[in-house]
Amino acid sequence: MTYEEALKQKKESVKNADQSVLNLYHILISPENTKESVDFIDHYLKNPDSCNDESCKKFSSSDNYQIVSIRKEDQEV
């Protein structure tokens, strides 16, 4: 799907998600290409605060994206 379609789908997913899901998972727009997706996710996980939805565009060689959920690392309280 295009970036615009992925953004719309992500917003719907976040809106409809249970709060426990949002607490446990990052919901991301990621390149559809597997290698590009892995590169983007690795970059994201190193510093999530430095990324936004458009960050995935830097890793994509096409306008094909997907929505992925990545389990958040356990945080000590």
N, C-alpha and C. Protein backbone atom coordinates (compact mmCIF):
# COMPACT_ATOMS: atom_id res chain seq x y z
N MET A 1 0.84 -1.18 0.00
CA MET A 1 0.00 0.00 0.00
C MET A 1 0.89 1.24 0.00
N THR A 2 0.35 2.34 -0.44
CA THR A 2 1.12 3.58 -0.45
C THR A 2 1.32 4.08 0.98
N TYR A 3 2.21 5.04 1.12
CA TYR A 3 2.45 5.62 2.45
C TYR A 3 1.16 6.22 3.01
N GLU A 4 0.43 6.94 2.18
CA GLU A 4 -0.81 7.58 2.64
C GLU A 4 -1.84 6.53 3.11
N GLU A 5 -1.94 5.43 2.39
CA GLU A 5 -2.84 4.35 2.79
C GLU A 5 -2.37 3.72 4.11
N ALA A 6 -1.07 3.53 4.23
CA ALA A 6 -0.51 2.93 5.45
C ALA A 6 -0.73 3.85 6.65
N LEU A 7 -0.57 5.15 6.45
CA LEU A 7 -0.79 6.10 7.54
C LEU A 7 -2.25 6.06 8.01
N LYS A 8 -3.16 6.00 7.06
CA LYS A 8 -4.58 5.92 7.39
C LYS A 8 -4.87 4.62 8.16
N GLN A 9 -4.31 3.51 7.69
CA GLN A 9 -4.53 2.22 8.35
C GLN A 9 -3.93 2.22 9.75
N LYS A 10 -2.74 2.81 9.90
CA LYS A 10 -2.11 2.85 11.22
C LYS A 10 -2.98 3.65 12.19
N LYS A 11 -3.47 4.79 11.75
CA LYS A 11 -4.32 5.62 12.62
C LYS A 11 -5.56 4.85 13.06
N GLU A 12 -6.16 4.10 12.14
CA GLU A 12 -7.33 3.28 12.48
C GLU A 12 -6.95 2.18 13.46
N SER A 13 -5.81 1.55 13.23
CA SER A 13 -5.36 0.47 14.11
C SER A 13 -5.12 0.98 15.53
N VAL A 14 -4.47 2.13 15.65
CA VAL A 14 -4.20 2.70 16.97
C VAL A 14 -5.51 3.10 17.64
N LYS A 15 -6.41 3.69 16.87
CA LYS A 15 -7.70 4.13 17.41
C LYS A 15 -8.52 2.95 17.95
N ASN A 16 -8.44 1.82 17.27
CA ASN A 16 -9.25 0.65 17.63
C ASN A 16 -8.55 -0.33 18.56
N ALA A 17 -7.27 -0.09 18.83
CA ALA A 17 -6.50 -1.03 19.65
C ALA A 17 -6.83 -0.87 21.13
N ASP A 18 -6.81 -1.98 21.82
CA ASP A 18 -6.95 -1.99 23.26
C ASP A 18 -5.71 -1.32 23.87
N GLN A 19 -5.88 -0.64 24.98
CA GLN A 19 -4.76 0.06 25.62
C GLN A 19 -3.62 -0.90 25.98
N SER A 20 -3.94 -2.12 26.36
CA SER A 20 -2.88 -3.08 26.71
C SER A 20 -2.00 -3.40 25.49
N VAL A 21 -2.60 -3.43 24.32
CA VAL A 21 -1.82 -3.66 23.09
C VAL A 21 -0.89 -2.48 22.85
N LEU A 22 -1.41 -1.27 23.02
CA LEU A 22 -0.59 -0.08 22.82
C LEU A 22 0.55 0.01 23.83
N ASN A 23 0.33 -0.54 25.03
CA ASN A 23 1.38 -0.54 26.04
C ASN A 23 2.47 -1.57 25.74
N LEU A 24 2.11 -2.64 25.04
CA LEU A 24 3.06 -3.74 24.79
C LEU A 24 3.75 -3.67 23.43
N TYR A 25 3.17 -2.96 22.46
CA TYR A 25 3.68 -2.99 21.10
C TYR A 25 3.86 -1.60 20.50
N HIS A 26 4.91 -1.47 19.69
CA HIS A 26 5.07 -0.32 18.81
C HIS A 26 4.28 -0.65 17.55
N ILE A 27 3.47 0.24 17.07
CA ILE A 27 2.78 0.04 15.80
C ILE A 27 3.43 0.98 14.81
N LEU A 28 4.03 0.40 13.77
CA LEU A 28 4.86 1.17 12.86
C LEU A 28 4.43 1.02 11.41
N ILE A 29 4.72 2.05 10.63
CA ILE A 29 4.67 1.94 9.18
C ILE A 29 6.08 1.56 8.77
N SER A 30 6.18 0.52 7.97
CA SER A 30 7.48 -0.01 7.58
C SER A 30 7.50 -0.29 6.08
N PRO A 31 8.67 -0.20 5.45
CA PRO A 31 8.74 -0.58 4.04
C PRO A 31 8.26 -2.01 3.84
N GLU A 32 7.61 -2.26 2.73
CA GLU A 32 7.10 -3.61 2.45
C GLU A 32 8.23 -4.59 2.13
N ASN A 33 9.29 -4.09 1.52
CA ASN A 33 10.45 -4.91 1.19
C ASN A 33 11.07 -5.43 2.49
N THR A 34 11.29 -6.73 2.59
CA THR A 34 11.73 -7.35 3.84
C THR A 34 13.06 -6.79 4.34
N LYS A 35 14.06 -6.69 3.48
CA LYS A 35 15.36 -6.17 3.92
C LYS A 35 15.24 -4.72 4.37
N GLU A 36 14.52 -3.92 3.61
CA GLU A 36 14.34 -2.52 3.99
C GLU A 36 13.57 -2.41 5.30
N SER A 37 12.60 -3.28 5.50
CA SER A 37 11.82 -3.29 6.74
C SER A 37 12.71 -3.63 7.94
N VAL A 38 13.55 -4.64 7.79
CA VAL A 38 14.46 -5.03 8.86
C VAL A 38 15.42 -3.88 9.19
N ASP A 39 15.95 -3.23 8.16
CA ASP A 39 16.85 -2.10 8.38
C ASP A 39 16.13 -0.97 9.12
N PHE A 40 14.91 -0.68 8.71
CA PHE A 40 14.15 0.39 9.37
C PHE A 40 13.84 0.03 10.82
N ILE A 41 13.38 -1.19 11.06
CA ILE A 41 13.04 -1.60 12.42
C ILE A 41 14.26 -1.57 13.33
N ASP A 42 15.41 -2.02 12.81
CA ASP A 42 16.65 -1.95 13.60
C ASP A 42 16.96 -0.50 13.97
N HIS A 43 16.83 0.39 12.99
CA HIS A 43 17.06 1.82 13.23
C HIS A 43 16.08 2.35 14.27
N TYR A 44 14.82 2.01 14.12
CA TYR A 44 13.78 2.47 15.03
C TYR A 44 14.05 2.01 16.46
N LEU A 45 14.37 0.75 16.63
CA LEU A 45 14.56 0.19 17.97
C LEU A 45 15.77 0.78 18.69
N LYS A 46 16.74 1.28 17.94
CA LYS A 46 17.91 1.91 18.57
C LYS A 46 17.52 3.21 19.26
N ASN A 47 16.56 3.94 18.68
CA ASN A 47 16.15 5.21 19.28
C ASN A 47 14.75 5.60 18.80
N PRO A 48 13.71 5.00 19.38
CA PRO A 48 12.34 5.27 18.94
C PRO A 48 11.95 6.74 18.98
N ASP A 49 12.48 7.47 19.93
CA ASP A 49 12.11 8.88 20.07
C ASP A 49 12.60 9.74 18.91
N SER A 50 13.59 9.26 18.18
CA SER A 50 14.11 10.05 17.06
C SER A 50 13.34 9.77 15.76
N CYS A 51 12.39 8.86 15.80
CA CYS A 51 11.64 8.48 14.60
C CYS A 51 10.20 8.97 14.66
N ASN A 52 9.64 9.18 13.47
CA ASN A 52 8.22 9.45 13.35
C ASN A 52 7.69 8.61 12.19
N ASP A 53 6.42 8.75 11.85
CA ASP A 53 5.85 7.92 10.80
C ASP A 53 6.60 8.06 9.48
N GLU A 54 7.05 9.25 9.17
CA GLU A 54 7.73 9.47 7.89
C GLU A 54 9.15 8.92 7.85
N SER A 55 9.71 8.56 8.98
CA SER A 55 11.08 8.03 9.02
C SER A 55 11.25 6.81 8.13
N CYS A 56 10.20 6.03 7.96
CA CYS A 56 10.29 4.81 7.16
C CYS A 56 10.58 5.12 5.69
N LYS A 57 10.23 6.32 5.25
CA LYS A 57 10.44 6.67 3.83
C LYS A 57 11.92 6.65 3.45
N LYS A 58 12.79 6.96 4.40
CA LYS A 58 14.23 6.98 4.13
C LYS A 58 14.77 5.59 3.83
N PHE A 59 14.04 4.56 4.24
CA PHE A 59 14.50 3.18 4.09
C PHE A 59 13.83 2.45 2.92
N SER A 60 12.88 3.11 2.28
CA SER A 60 12.10 2.44 1.23
C SER A 60 12.55 2.87 -0.16
N SER A 61 12.72 1.90 -1.03
CA SER A 61 13.09 2.18 -2.43
C SER A 61 11.85 2.30 -3.31
N SER A 62 10.67 2.13 -2.71
CA SER A 62 9.42 2.25 -3.48
C SER A 62 8.36 2.85 -2.56
N ASP A 63 7.18 3.05 -3.08
CA ASP A 63 6.09 3.59 -2.27
C ASP A 63 5.18 2.45 -1.83
N ASN A 64 5.80 1.39 -1.32
CA ASN A 64 5.04 0.23 -0.83
C ASN A 64 5.37 0.03 0.64
N TYR A 65 4.32 0.09 1.47
CA TYR A 65 4.51 0.03 2.92
C TYR A 65 3.55 -0.97 3.53
N GLN A 66 3.81 -1.28 4.79
CA GLN A 66 2.97 -2.19 5.55
C GLN A 66 2.92 -1.69 6.99
N ILE A 67 1.97 -2.19 7.74
CA ILE A 67 1.88 -1.89 9.16
C ILE A 67 2.43 -3.09 9.92
N VAL A 68 3.34 -2.84 10.84
CA VAL A 68 3.90 -3.91 11.65
C VAL A 68 3.78 -3.55 13.13
N SER A 69 3.71 -4.56 13.95
CA SER A 69 3.74 -4.33 15.40
C SER A 69 4.96 -5.05 15.95
N ILE A 70 5.70 -4.32 16.76
CA ILE A 70 6.93 -4.83 17.35
C ILE A 70 6.78 -4.77 18.86
N ARG A 71 7.00 -5.88 19.50
CA ARG A 71 6.87 -5.92 20.96
C ARG A 71 7.89 -4.97 21.59
N LYS A 72 7.43 -4.16 22.52
CA LYS A 72 8.32 -3.26 23.24
C LYS A 72 9.17 -4.07 24.19
N GLU A 73 10.39 -3.63 24.38
CA GLU A 73 11.27 -4.29 25.34
C GLU A 73 10.75 -4.03 26.73
N ASP A 74 10.94 -5.00 27.60
CA ASP A 74 10.50 -4.83 28.98
C ASP A 74 11.21 -3.65 29.61
N GLN A 75 10.43 -2.82 30.27
CA GLN A 75 11.00 -1.66 30.93
C GLN A 75 10.89 -1.86 32.42
N GLU A 76 11.98 -1.58 33.12
CA GLU A 76 11.95 -1.71 34.57
C GLU A 76 11.18 -0.55 35.16
N VAL A 77 10.40 -0.85 36.18
CA VAL A 77 9.59 0.18 36.83
C VAL A 77 10.35 0.78 38.00
